[in-house]
C-alpha atoms as a PDB file:
ATOM      1  CA  MET A   1      -9.294  -5.824 -12.602  1.00  0.00           C
ATOM      2  CA  ASN A   2      -9.075  -1.060 -12.854  1.00  0.00           C
ATOM      3  CA  ASN A   3      -4.538   3.558 -14.205  1.00  0.00           C
ATOM      4  CA  PHE A   4      -8.427   3.258 -14.075  1.00  0.00           C
ATOM      5  CA  LYS A   5      -8.595   0.372 -11.363  1.00  0.00           C
ATOM      6  CA  LYS A   6     -10.048   1.371  -7.968  1.00  0.00           C
ATOM      7  CA  ILE A   7      -8.376  -1.291  -5.672  1.00  0.00           C
ATOM      8  CA  GLY A   8     -10.419  -2.509  -2.938  1.00  0.00           C
ATOM      9  CA  LEU A   9     -13.512  -4.563  -1.637  1.00  0.00           C
ATOM     10  CA  SER A  10     -16.020  -5.702  -4.156  1.00  0.00           C
ATOM     11  CA  ALA A  11     -18.771  -5.670  -1.603  1.00  0.00           C
ATOM     12  CA  LEU A  12     -21.643  -8.240  -1.797  1.00  0.00           C
ATOM     13  CA  ALA A  13     -24.678  -6.227  -3.228  1.00  0.00           C
ATOM     14  CA  GLY A  14     -27.843  -6.603  -1.130  1.00  0.00           C
ATOM     15  CA  SER A  15     -31.071  -5.032  -2.494  1.00  0.00           C
ATOM     16  CA  LEU A  16     -32.410  -2.455   0.214  1.00  0.00           C
ATOM     17  CA  VAL A  17     -35.538  -0.990  -1.394  1.00  0.00           C
ATOM     18  CA  ALA A  18     -37.379  -1.463  -4.475  1.00  0.00           C
ATOM     19  CA  VAL A  19     -40.592   0.223  -5.841  1.00  0.00           C
ATOM     20  CA  SER A  20     -42.300   0.475  -9.189  1.00  0.00           C
ATOM     21  CA  ALA A  21     -43.505   3.727 -10.557  1.00  0.00           C
ATOM     22  CA  ASN A  22     -44.947   4.577 -13.973  1.00  0.00           C
ATOM     23  CA  ALA A  23     -43.923   1.396 -15.176  1.00  0.00           C
ATOM     24  CA  ALA A  24     -40.229   1.867 -14.145  1.00  0.00           C
ATOM     25  CA  ASP A  25     -38.494  -0.135 -11.680  1.00  0.00           C
ATOM     26  CA  VAL A  26     -36.553   1.915  -8.948  1.00  0.00           C
ATOM     27  CA  SER A  27     -34.083   0.454  -6.637  1.00  0.00           C
ATOM     28  CA  LEU A  28     -31.339   1.393  -4.200  1.00  0.00           C
ATOM     29  CA  SER A  29     -28.558  -1.356  -3.701  1.00  0.00           C
ATOM     30  CA  GLY A  30     -25.476  -1.145  -1.202  1.00  0.00           C
ATOM     31  CA  GLY A  31     -23.783  -3.472   0.887  1.00  0.00           C
ATOM     32  CA  ALA A  32     -21.895  -3.660   4.447  1.00  0.00           C
ATOM     33  CA  SER A  33     -18.425  -4.475   4.463  1.00  0.00           C
ATOM     34  CA  VAL A  34     -15.185  -3.773   6.236  1.00  0.00           C
ATOM     35  CA  ALA A  35     -11.619  -4.593   5.140  1.00  0.00           C
ATOM     36  CA  PHE A  36      -7.977  -4.172   6.290  1.00  0.00           C
ATOM     37  CA  THR A  37      -4.999  -4.008   4.067  1.00  0.00           C
ATOM     38  CA  SER A  38      -1.161  -3.289   3.496  1.00  0.00           C
ATOM     39  CA  ALA A  39      -0.364  -2.115  -0.075  1.00  0.00           C
ATOM     40  CA  PHE A  40       3.594  -2.704   0.537  1.00  0.00           C
ATOM     41  CA  ASP A  41       6.009  -3.988   3.466  1.00  0.00           C
ATOM     42  CA  GLY A  42       6.700  -0.743   5.101  1.00  0.00           C
ATOM     43  CA  ASP A  43       3.173   0.247   4.987  1.00  0.00           C
ATOM     44  CA  LYS A  44       0.768   0.424   8.025  1.00  0.00           C
ATOM     45  CA  THR A  45      -2.242  -1.727   8.137  1.00  0.00           C
ATOM     46  CA  GLY A  46      -5.369   0.380   6.959  1.00  0.00           C
ATOM     47  CA  TYR A  47      -8.860  -0.194   6.985  1.00  0.00           C
ATOM     48  CA  TYR A  48     -11.908   0.869   4.912  1.00  0.00           C
ATOM     49  CA  MET A  49     -15.660   0.115   4.711  1.00  0.00           C
ATOM     50  CA  ASN A  50     -18.100   0.223   2.004  1.00  0.00           C
ATOM     51  CA  ASP A  51     -19.488   3.758   1.592  1.00  0.00           C
ATOM     52  CA  SER A  52     -21.745   3.854  -1.592  1.00  0.00           C
ATOM     53  CA  VAL A  53     -25.158   3.480  -2.443  1.00  0.00           C
ATOM     54  CA  THR A  54     -26.283   2.652  -6.422  1.00  0.00           C
ATOM     55  CA  LEU A  55     -29.485   4.076  -7.577  1.00  0.00           C
ATOM     56  CA  THR A  56     -30.879   2.242 -10.666  1.00  0.00           C
ATOM     57  CA  ILE A  57     -34.054   3.204 -12.590  1.00  0.00           C
ATOM     58  CA  SER A  58     -35.024   0.532 -15.505  1.00  0.00           C
ATOM     59  CA  GLY A  59     -38.185   0.651 -17.670  1.00  0.00           C
ATOM     60  CA  GLU A  60     -39.067  -0.660 -20.898  1.00  0.00           C
ATOM     61  CA  THR A  61     -40.213   1.371 -23.852  1.00  0.00           C
ATOM     62  CA  ASP A  62     -43.303   0.839 -26.073  1.00  0.00           C
ATOM     63  CA  GLY A  63     -40.630  -0.472 -28.822  1.00  0.00           C
ATOM     64  CA  GLY A  64     -39.360  -3.094 -26.313  1.00  0.00           C
ATOM     65  CA  LEU A  65     -36.045  -1.594 -25.534  1.00  0.00           C
ATOM     66  CA  THR A  66     -35.010  -1.724 -21.929  1.00  0.00           C
ATOM     67  CA  VAL A  67     -33.415   1.495 -20.596  1.00  0.00           C
ATOM     68  CA  THR A  68     -31.383   1.423 -17.506  1.00  0.00           C
ATOM     69  CA  THR A  69     -29.817   4.531 -15.539  1.00  0.00           C
ATOM     70  CA  SER A  70     -27.305   3.884 -12.693  1.00  0.00           C
ATOM     71  CA  LEU A  71     -25.959   6.454 -10.458  1.00  0.00           C
ATOM     72  CA  GLU A  72     -23.622   5.575  -7.759  1.00  0.00           C
ATOM     73  CA  LEU A  73     -23.527   7.814  -4.552  1.00  0.00           C
ATOM     74  CA  ASP A  74     -20.118   7.638  -3.401  1.00  0.00           C
ATOM     75  CA  GLY A  75     -18.285   9.010  -0.132  1.00  0.00           C
ATOM     76  CA  ASP A  76     -15.031   8.857  -1.989  1.00  0.00           C
ATOM     77  CA  THR A  77     -15.983  11.406  -4.774  1.00  0.00           C
ATOM     78  CA  GLY A  78     -14.522  14.327  -2.934  1.00  0.00           C
ATOM     79  CA  ALA A  79     -15.869  17.830  -2.127  1.00  0.00           C
ATOM     80  CA  GLY A  80     -18.787  19.176  -4.147  1.00  0.00           C
ATOM     81  CA  ASN A  81     -19.371  15.709  -6.007  1.00  0.00           C
ATOM     82  CA  SER A  82     -22.121  13.376  -4.851  1.00  0.00           C
ATOM     83  CA  PHE A  83     -21.807  10.659  -7.800  1.00  0.00           C
ATOM     84  CA  ASP A  84     -19.137   8.329  -8.824  1.00  0.00           C
ATOM     85  CA  SER A  85     -19.790   5.862 -11.479  1.00  0.00           C
ATOM     86  CA  LYS A  86     -22.875   6.648 -13.609  1.00  0.00           C
ATOM     87  CA  SER A  87     -24.109   5.140 -17.104  1.00  0.00           C
ATOM     88  CA  ILE A  88     -27.254   4.736 -19.084  1.00  0.00           C
ATOM     89  CA  LYS A  89     -27.848   1.285 -21.045  1.00  0.00           C
ATOM     90  CA  ILE A  90     -30.059   0.718 -23.883  1.00  0.00           C
ATOM     91  CA  SER A  91     -30.656  -3.016 -24.555  1.00  0.00           C
ATOM     92  CA  SER A  92     -32.716  -5.458 -26.485  1.00  0.00           C
ATOM     93  CA  GLU A  93     -32.566  -9.619 -26.623  1.00  0.00           C
ATOM     94  CA  GLU A  94     -32.093  -9.236 -30.576  1.00  0.00           C
ATOM     95  CA  PHE A  95     -29.359  -6.330 -30.685  1.00  0.00           C
ATOM     96  CA  GLY A  96     -27.491  -6.586 -27.757  1.00  0.00           C
ATOM     97  CA  THR A  97     -26.580  -3.547 -25.520  1.00  0.00           C
ATOM     98  CA  VAL A  98     -25.391   0.038 -25.997  1.00  0.00           C
ATOM     99  CA  THR A  99     -23.871   1.607 -22.841  1.00  0.00           C
ATOM    100  CA  TYR A 100     -22.881   5.247 -22.409  1.00  0.00           C
ATOM    101  CA  ALA A 101     -20.796   5.797 -19.251  1.00  0.00           C
ATOM    102  CA  GLY A 102     -20.371   9.310 -17.944  1.00  0.00           C
ATOM    103  CA  HIS A 103     -17.818   7.909 -15.363  1.00  0.00           C
ATOM    104  CA  GLY A 104     -16.917   4.440 -14.454  1.00  0.00           C
ATOM    105  CA  GLY A 105     -17.277   2.734 -17.730  1.00  0.00           C
ATOM    106  CA  SER A 106     -14.728   0.213 -18.888  1.00  0.00           C
ATOM    107  CA  THR A 107     -13.500  -0.547 -22.419  1.00  0.00           C
ATOM    108  CA  VAL A 108     -13.060  -4.003 -23.861  1.00  0.00           C
ATOM    109  CA  ILE A 109      -9.525  -4.615 -23.116  1.00  0.00           C
ATOM    110  CA  GLY A 110     -10.143  -2.686 -19.558  1.00  0.00           C
ATOM    111  CA  GLY A 111     -12.455  -5.187 -18.715  1.00  0.00           C
ATOM    112  CA  TRP A 112     -10.217  -8.157 -19.875  1.00  0.00           C
ATOM    113  CA  ASP A 113      -7.031  -6.712 -18.634  1.00  0.00           C
ATOM    114  CA  ASP A 114      -6.973  -9.828 -16.228  1.00  0.00           C
ATOM    115  CA  VAL A 115      -9.559 -12.393 -16.638  1.00  0.00           C
ATOM    116  CA  MET A 116      -7.792 -15.149 -14.914  1.00  0.00           C
ATOM    117  CA  PRO A 117      -9.732 -17.016 -12.275  1.00  0.00           C
ATOM    118  CA  THR A 118      -9.265 -15.902  -8.599  1.00  0.00           C
ATOM    119  CA  ALA A 119     -11.056 -16.383  -5.449  1.00  0.00           C
ATOM    120  CA  TYR A 120     -10.736 -12.753  -4.761  1.00  0.00           C
ATOM    121  CA  GLU A 121      -8.015 -10.262  -6.015  1.00  0.00           C
ATOM    122  CA  GLU A 122      -5.674 -10.149  -8.890  1.00  0.00           C
ATOM    123  CA  VAL A 123      -2.183 -11.148  -8.341  1.00  0.00           C
ATOM    124  CA  PHE A 124      -1.093  -7.585  -9.066  1.00  0.00           C
ATOM    125  CA  ALA A 125      -4.108  -5.572  -7.680  1.00  0.00           C
ATOM    126  CA  LEU A 126      -2.823  -4.895  -3.991  1.00  0.00           C
ATOM    127  CA  THR A 127       0.595  -3.061  -4.527  1.00  0.00           C
ATOM    128  CA  LYS A 128      -0.201   0.617  -5.045  1.00  0.00           C
ATOM    129  CA  LYS A 129       3.125   2.173  -4.432  1.00  0.00           C
ATOM    130  CA  GLN A 130       6.726   1.210  -4.820  1.00  0.00           C
ATOM    131  CA  ALA A 131       8.833   1.319  -1.687  1.00  0.00           C
ATOM    132  CA  ASP A 132       9.630   5.229  -1.510  1.00  0.00           C
ATOM    133  CA  GLY A 133       5.920   5.511  -1.332  1.00  0.00           C
ATOM    134  CA  THR A 134       5.661   7.929  -4.012  1.00  0.00           C
ATOM    135  CA  THR A 135       5.348   6.256  -7.376  1.00  0.00           C
ATOM    136  CA  ASP A 136       2.484   4.176  -8.508  1.00  0.00           C
ATOM    137  CA  GLY A 137       2.973   0.201  -8.271  1.00  0.00           C
ATOM    138  CA  ASN A 138       2.544  -2.344 -10.511  1.00  0.00           C
ATOM    139  CA  THR A 139       2.251  -1.868 -14.227  1.00  0.00           C
ATOM    140  CA  VAL A 140      -0.244  -3.989 -16.439  1.00  0.00           C
ATOM    141  CA  ILE A 141      -1.402  -3.577 -20.011  1.00  0.00           C
ATOM    142  CA  ALA A 142      -5.017  -2.331 -20.375  1.00  0.00           C
ATOM    143  CA  GLY A 143      -7.051  -0.475 -22.782  1.00  0.00           C
ATOM    144  CA  LEU A 144      -7.569   3.327 -21.953  1.00  0.00           C
ATOM    145  CA  GLY A 145     -10.728   4.576 -20.259  1.00  0.00           C
ATOM    146  CA  GLY A 146     -12.222   7.581 -18.513  1.00  0.00           C
ATOM    147  CA  ASN A 147     -15.370   9.607 -18.695  1.00  0.00           C
ATOM    148  CA  SER A 148     -17.792   9.838 -21.741  1.00  0.00           C
ATOM    149  CA  LEU A 149     -17.168   6.497 -23.000  1.00  0.00           C
ATOM    150  CA  TRP A 150     -19.337   4.330 -25.385  1.00  0.00           C
ATOM    151  CA  ARG A 151     -19.676   0.541 -25.416  1.00  0.00           C
ATOM    152  CA  TYR A 152     -21.534  -2.074 -27.509  1.00  0.00           C
ATOM    153  CA  ASP A 153     -21.886  -5.708 -26.123  1.00  0.00           C
ATOM    154  CA  SER A 154     -23.704  -8.250 -28.571  1.00  0.00           C
ATOM    155  CA  PRO A 155     -26.017 -10.956 -27.366  1.00  0.00           C
ATOM    156  CA  ALA A 156     -24.204 -14.644 -27.621  1.00  0.00           C
ATOM    157  CA  VAL A 157     -25.153 -16.421 -30.751  1.00  0.00           C
ATOM    158  CA  SER A 158     -23.835 -20.312 -30.767  1.00  0.00           C
ATOM    159  CA  GLY A 159     -21.462 -19.298 -27.981  1.00  0.00           C
ATOM    160  CA  VAL A 160     -19.918 -16.208 -29.882  1.00  0.00           C
ATOM    161  CA  SER A 161     -20.319 -12.374 -28.661  1.00  0.00           C
ATOM    162  CA  VAL A 162     -18.576  -9.305 -29.788  1.00  0.00           C
ATOM    163  CA  HIS A 163     -17.953  -6.126 -28.181  1.00  0.00           C
ATOM    164  CA  ALA A 164     -16.732  -2.867 -28.871  1.00  0.00           C
ATOM    165  CA  ALA A 165     -15.848   0.476 -27.040  1.00  0.00           C
ATOM    166  CA  TYR A 166     -15.001   4.174 -27.953  1.00  0.00           C
ATOM    167  CA  HIS A 167     -13.375   7.000 -25.570  1.00  0.00           C
ATOM    168  CA  ALA A 168     -12.735  10.405 -27.316  1.00  0.00           C
ATOM    169  CA  THR A 169      -9.839  12.596 -26.117  1.00  0.00           C
ATOM    170  CA  GLU A 170     -10.121  14.071 -22.810  1.00  0.00           C
ATOM    171  CA  SER A 171      -8.097  17.170 -21.558  1.00  0.00           C
ATOM    172  CA  ASP A 172      -6.897  17.634 -18.167  1.00  0.00           C
ATOM    173  CA  ALA A 173      -6.590  20.951 -16.338  1.00  0.00           C
ATOM    174  CA  SER A 174      -3.761  22.343 -18.569  1.00  0.00           C
ATOM    175  CA  GLY A 175      -5.719  21.578 -21.697  1.00  0.00           C
ATOM    176  CA  LYS A 176      -3.397  18.662 -22.731  1.00  0.00           C
ATOM    177  CA  THR A 177      -4.564  15.264 -23.253  1.00  0.00           C
ATOM    178  CA  PRO A 178      -2.908  12.786 -20.489  1.00  0.00           C
ATOM    179  CA  ALA A 179      -1.322   9.547 -22.252  1.00  0.00           C
ATOM    180  CA  LYS A 180      -3.063  10.351 -25.669  1.00  0.00           C
ATOM    181  CA  VAL A 181      -3.745  12.874 -28.387  1.00  0.00           C
ATOM    182  CA  SER A 182      -6.301  10.790 -30.484  1.00  0.00           C
ATOM    183  CA  SER A 183      -9.560   8.860 -29.374  1.00  0.00           C
ATOM    184  CA  TYR A 184      -9.216   5.402 -28.193  1.00  0.00           C
ATOM    185  CA  HIS A 185     -11.112   2.580 -29.491  1.00  0.00           C
ATOM    186  CA  ASP A 186     -11.153  -1.024 -29.071  1.00  0.00           C
ATOM    187  CA  MET A 187     -13.125  -4.333 -30.034  1.00  0.00           C
ATOM    188  CA  GLY A 188     -13.077  -7.982 -29.110  1.00  0.00           C
ATOM    189  CA  ILE A 189     -14.645 -11.414 -29.534  1.00  0.00           C
ATOM    190  CA  GLN A 190     -15.647 -13.837 -26.839  1.00  0.00           C
ATOM    191  CA  TYR A 191     -16.299 -17.595 -27.815  1.00  0.00           C
ATOM    192  CA  ALA A 192     -17.620 -20.322 -25.583  1.00  0.00           C
ATOM    193  CA  PRO A 193     -17.868 -23.248 -27.989  1.00  0.00           C
ATOM    194  CA  GLU A 194     -21.125 -25.379 -27.691  1.00  0.00           C
ATOM    195  CA  MET A 195     -19.248 -28.535 -28.134  1.00  0.00           C
ATOM    196  CA  VAL A 196     -16.543 -28.111 -25.376  1.00  0.00           C
ATOM    197  CA  GLU A 197     -18.424 -27.460 -21.895  1.00  0.00           C
ATOM    198  CA  GLY A 198     -16.295 -25.042 -19.565  1.00  0.00           C
ATOM    199  CA  LEU A 199     -14.128 -23.746 -22.579  1.00  0.00           C
ATOM    200  CA  THR A 200     -14.086 -19.772 -23.063  1.00  0.00           C
ATOM    201  CA  LEU A 201     -11.764 -18.009 -25.427  1.00  0.00           C
ATOM    202  CA  GLY A 202     -11.207 -14.258 -25.816  1.00  0.00           C
ATOM    203  CA  TYR A 203      -9.173 -11.961 -28.213  1.00  0.00           C
ATOM    204  CA  ALA A 204      -9.304  -8.122 -28.382  1.00  0.00           C
ATOM    205  CA  ILE A 205      -7.370  -5.265 -30.032  1.00  0.00           C
ATOM    206  CA  GLY A 206      -7.258  -1.249 -29.653  1.00  0.00           C
ATOM    207  CA  GLU A 207      -5.162   1.474 -30.701  1.00  0.00           C
ATOM    208  CA  TYR A 208      -4.423   5.148 -30.062  1.00  0.00           C
ATOM    209  CA  ASP A 209      -1.952   7.786 -30.763  1.00  0.00           C
ATOM    210  CA  GLU A 210       0.055   8.412 -27.728  1.00  0.00           C
ATOM    211  CA  THR A 211       1.718  11.641 -29.380  1.00  0.00           C
ATOM    212  CA  SER A 212       1.347  13.163 -32.768  1.00  0.00           C
ATOM    213  CA  THR A 213       4.018  10.800 -33.984  1.00  0.00           C
ATOM    214  CA  LYS A 214       3.529   7.743 -31.924  1.00  0.00           C
ATOM    215  CA  ALA A 215       0.870   5.228 -32.497  1.00  0.00           C
ATOM    216  CA  ILE A 216       0.029   2.587 -30.132  1.00  0.00           C
ATOM    217  CA  ASP A 217      -1.577  -0.809 -30.471  1.00  0.00           C
ATOM    218  CA  ILE A 218      -2.849  -2.891 -27.748  1.00  0.00           C
ATOM    219  CA  SER A 219      -3.883  -6.509 -27.818  1.00  0.00           C
ATOM    220  CA  THR A 220      -4.870  -9.457 -25.342  1.00  0.00           C
ATOM    221  CA  MET A 221      -5.746 -13.071 -25.769  1.00  0.00           C
ATOM    222  CA  TRP A 222      -6.865 -15.545 -23.129  1.00  0.00           C
ATOM    223  CA  VAL A 223      -8.370 -19.044 -22.620  1.00  0.00           C
ATOM    224  CA  LYS A 224     -10.060 -20.272 -19.654  1.00  0.00           C
ATOM    225  CA  TYR A 225     -11.351 -24.116 -18.859  1.00  0.00           C
ATOM    226  CA  ALA A 226     -13.638 -25.014 -16.141  1.00  0.00           C
ATOM    227  CA  MET A 227     -13.915 -28.788 -15.271  1.00  0.00           C
ATOM    228  CA  GLY A 228     -15.414 -29.921 -11.911  1.00  0.00           C
ATOM    229  CA  GLY A 229     -14.118 -27.483  -9.274  1.00  0.00           C
ATOM    230  CA  PHE A 230     -11.039 -26.601 -11.058  1.00  0.00           C
ATOM    231  CA  THR A 231     -11.049 -23.516 -13.525  1.00  0.00           C
ATOM    232  CA  VAL A 232      -7.639 -23.049 -15.096  1.00  0.00           C
ATOM    233  CA  GLY A 233      -6.532 -19.896 -17.183  1.00  0.00           C
ATOM    234  CA  TYR A 234      -3.830 -18.495 -19.439  1.00  0.00           C
ATOM    235  CA  GLN A 235      -3.464 -14.868 -21.157  1.00  0.00           C
ATOM    236  CA  GLU A 236      -1.118 -12.783 -23.178  1.00  0.00           C
ATOM    237  CA  SER A 237      -1.312  -9.138 -23.478  1.00  0.00           C
ATOM    238  CA  GLU A 238       0.945  -6.712 -25.847  1.00  0.00           C
ATOM    239  CA  ARG A 239       1.417  -2.988 -26.004  1.00  0.00           C
ATOM    240  CA  GLU A 240       3.130  -2.321 -29.329  1.00  0.00           C
ATOM    241  CA  GLY A 241       4.834   0.810 -30.648  1.00  0.00           C
ATOM    242  CA  ALA A 242       7.411   1.636 -33.659  1.00  0.00           C
ATOM    243  CA  ALA A 243      10.243   1.759 -31.235  1.00  0.00           C
ATOM    244  CA  ALA A 244      11.357  -1.182 -29.200  1.00  0.00           C
ATOM    245  CA  THR A 245      11.181   1.066 -25.967  1.00  0.00           C
ATOM    246  CA  ASP A 246       7.508   1.321 -26.503  1.00  0.00           C
ATOM    247  CA  SER A 247       6.684  -2.484 -27.067  1.00  0.00           C
ATOM    248  CA  ASP A 248       5.692  -4.121 -23.818  1.00  0.00           C
ATOM    249  CA  GLU A 249       4.207  -7.536 -23.011  1.00  0.00           C
ATOM    250  CA  SER A 250       2.582  -9.642 -20.212  1.00  0.00           C
ATOM    251  CA  GLU A 251       1.822 -13.232 -19.374  1.00  0.00           C
ATOM    252  CA  SER A 252      -0.326 -14.486 -16.917  1.00  0.00           C
ATOM    253  CA  TRP A 253      -1.620 -17.773 -15.542  1.00  0.00           C
ATOM    254  CA  ALA A 254      -3.805 -18.875 -12.728  1.00  0.00           C
ATOM    255  CA  VAL A 255      -5.605 -21.986 -11.228  1.00  0.00           C
ATOM    256  CA  SER A 256      -8.781 -21.706  -8.973  1.00  0.00           C
ATOM    257  CA  TYR A 257     -10.440 -24.538  -7.052  1.00  0.00           C
ATOM    258  CA  ALA A 258     -13.799 -24.452  -5.474  1.00  0.00           C
ATOM    259  CA  VAL A 259     -13.418 -26.844  -2.274  1.00  0.00           C
ATOM    260  CA  SER A 260     -17.160 -26.584  -1.546  1.00  0.00           C
ATOM    261  CA  ASP A 261     -19.932 -24.508  -2.675  1.00  0.00           C
ATOM    262  CA  GLU A 262     -18.765 -22.237   0.421  1.00  0.00           C
ATOM    263  CA  PHE A 263     -15.304 -22.280   0.100  1.00  0.00           C
ATOM    264  CA  SER A 264     -12.718 -21.561  -2.988  1.00  0.00           C
ATOM    265  CA  ILE A 265      -8.924 -20.991  -3.240  1.00  0.00           C
ATOM    266  CA  SER A 266      -6.711 -19.682  -5.966  1.00  0.00           C
ATOM    267  CA  TYR A 267      -3.139 -18.990  -7.176  1.00  0.00           C
ATOM    268  CA  GLY A 268      -1.684 -17.132  -9.886  1.00  0.00           C
ATOM    269  CA  ASN A 269       1.255 -15.435 -11.401  1.00  0.00           C
ATOM    270  CA  HIS A 270       1.704 -12.218 -13.570  1.00  0.00           C
ATOM    271  CA  GLU A 271       4.759 -11.320 -15.414  1.00  0.00           C
ATOM    272  CA  TYR A 272       5.227  -7.799 -17.130  1.00  0.00           C
ATOM    273  CA  THR A 273       8.129  -6.740 -19.580  1.00  0.00           C
ATOM    274  CA  GLU A 274       8.514  -3.210 -20.334  1.00  0.00           C
ATOM    275  CA  GLY A 275      10.267  -2.132 -23.479  1.00  0.00           C
ATOM    276  CA  THR A 276      13.954  -3.299 -23.476  1.00  0.00           C
ATOM    277  CA  ASP A 277      14.198  -3.597 -19.754  1.00  0.00           C
ATOM    278  CA  THR A 278      15.740  -6.824 -18.238  1.00  0.00           C
ATOM    279  CA  ASP A 279      13.995  -6.623 -14.820  1.00  0.00           C
ATOM    280  CA  VAL A 280      10.685  -8.522 -15.279  1.00  0.00           C
ATOM    281  CA  GLN A 281       7.847  -7.183 -12.953  1.00  0.00           C
ATOM    282  CA  ASP A 282       6.888 -10.698 -11.528  1.00  0.00           C
ATOM    283  CA  SER A 283       3.754 -10.749  -9.207  1.00  0.00           C
ATOM    284  CA  SER A 284       2.216 -13.980  -7.578  1.00  0.00           C
ATOM    285  CA  GLY A 285      -0.581 -14.428  -5.097  1.00  0.00           C
ATOM    286  CA  PHE A 286      -2.741 -16.680  -3.214  1.00  0.00           C
ATOM    287  CA  SER A 287      -6.498 -15.949  -2.507  1.00  0.00           C
ATOM    288  CA  ALA A 288      -9.296 -17.662  -0.644  1.00  0.00           C
ATOM    289  CA  SER A 289     -13.010 -16.979   0.020  1.00  0.00           C
ATOM    290  CA  TYR A 290     -15.501 -18.354   2.302  1.00  0.00           C
ATOM    291  CA  THR A 291     -19.047 -17.720   2.409  1.00  0.00           C
ATOM    292  CA  ALA A 292     -21.843 -19.007   5.041  1.00  0.00           C
ATOM    293  CA  GLY A 293     -25.079 -17.668   6.332  1.00  0.00           C
ATOM    294  CA  GLY A 294     -24.993 -14.100   4.241  1.00  0.00           C
ATOM    295  CA  ALA A 295     -21.470 -13.596   5.375  1.00  0.00           C
ATOM    296  CA  SER A 296     -18.113 -13.548   3.445  1.00  0.00           C
ATOM    297  CA  ILE A 297     -14.362 -13.774   4.497  1.00  0.00           C
ATOM    298  CA  LYS A 298     -12.188 -12.983   1.596  1.00  0.00           C
ATOM    299  CA  ALA A 299      -8.458 -12.592   1.511  1.00  0.00           C
ATOM    300  CA  ALA A 300      -5.380 -12.107  -0.915  1.00  0.00           C
ATOM    301  CA  PHE A 301      -1.787 -12.419  -0.161  1.00  0.00           C
ATOM    302  CA  ASN A 302       0.395 -11.158  -3.055  1.00  0.00           C
ATOM    303  CA  SER A 303       4.200 -10.451  -3.864  1.00  0.00           C
ATOM    304  CA  THR A 304       5.744  -8.559  -6.531  1.00  0.00           C
ATOM    305  CA  ASP A 305       9.367  -8.348  -7.629  1.00  0.00           C
ATOM    306  CA  ASN A 306      10.836  -5.751  -9.567  1.00  0.00           C
ATOM    307  CA  ILE A 307       7.898  -3.318  -9.443  1.00  0.00           C
ATOM    308  CA  GLN A 308       7.511  -1.193 -12.786  1.00  0.00           C
ATOM    309  CA  ASN A 309      10.666  -3.444 -13.932  1.00  0.00           C
ATOM    310  CA  SER A 310      12.857  -1.777 -11.121  1.00  0.00           C
ATOM    311  CA  SER A 311      15.316  -4.202  -9.569  1.00  0.00           C
ATOM    312  CA  ALA A 312      15.314  -1.937  -6.320  1.00  0.00           C
ATOM    313  CA  SER A 313      11.694  -2.476  -5.501  1.00  0.00           C
ATOM    314  CA  ASP A 314      10.288  -5.639  -4.145  1.00  0.00           C
ATOM    315  CA  GLU A 315       7.026  -5.793  -2.204  1.00  0.00           C
ATOM    316  CA  ASP A 316       4.381  -7.919  -0.339  1.00  0.00           C
ATOM    317  CA  SER A 317       0.846  -6.885   0.081  1.00  0.00           C
ATOM    318  CA  TYR A 318      -2.275  -8.308   1.603  1.00  0.00           C
ATOM    319  CA  GLU A 319      -5.834  -7.677   2.035  1.00  0.00           C
ATOM    320  CA  ILE A 320      -8.763  -9.411   4.300  1.00  0.00           C
ATOM    321  CA  ALA A 321     -12.204  -8.073   3.640  1.00  0.00           C
ATOM    322  CA  ILE A 322     -15.644  -9.277   5.558  1.00  0.00           C
ATOM    323  CA  SER A 323     -18.931  -8.417   4.025  1.00  0.00           C
ATOM    324  CA  PHE A 324     -22.454  -9.089   4.507  1.00  0.00           C
ATOM    325  CA  ALA A 325     -25.164  -9.807   2.221  1.00  0.00           C
ATOM    326  CA  PHE A 326     -29.227  -8.912   3.053  1.00  0.00           C
END
């Protein structure tokens, strides 16, 4: 649910064109969407639309490997750039998938920073700034990520799958490595027991050196259970260093309900405690989604107290989006 999350609408993808050439499938996919949002109380309502198209080339080698290259043409990449997310995947049914992401990849904990059921956005997702408008918003515990990221995902065997990711150090313009001085790596396991339908559990750990003398361990564990139209979830995450001020923790829970095939609602809560701070960042939110005739309307209304564990910063945020599939 993103430090490396891009807050906004997850547009419903629709296939625009697909052809086959030299045993490779080439396709372009995109979407049509528009949304309006406010990131904090004093923020004016803003609008945005989907502005990206993804080019995918996929084929199978003589040895039975499936190779897929994905390039996202994105209007938000800035001057001089054409592509945003880009990756290559090599996969087989027996051995799983190896992914190299030049940009836009996710580590294991990065992808599992919040797996709680929701009809639209995470409860902490929309608040991007504090009240002064200058400081980044809600804090979450998630794995580090960036460009040039490797990841492995195994096939599920008896409901068990394993996952691992590696990201080398990456220097900024000054030659220093932001937030870490070592490579980052994590691994996780997901289990959906065949004897308990609807139950899924996950656990992941990661580590890196934030400075030459400060090692950081990250972990997360979660459980979800779906029965009928209801899905409930609970998750705990930790970021641990040698000093108490470097040890953070978070706790989340959420419940979603599919009222019908077209209409879903959800409510959740996320608490984050940073080091020895006594002001707990507390986020809660309500989401809803409705889909009919190829059109979807999704909305999220969130509220956060003590943003970044500061008692002086409480904010409300919302986003309403309309998207079309074709």
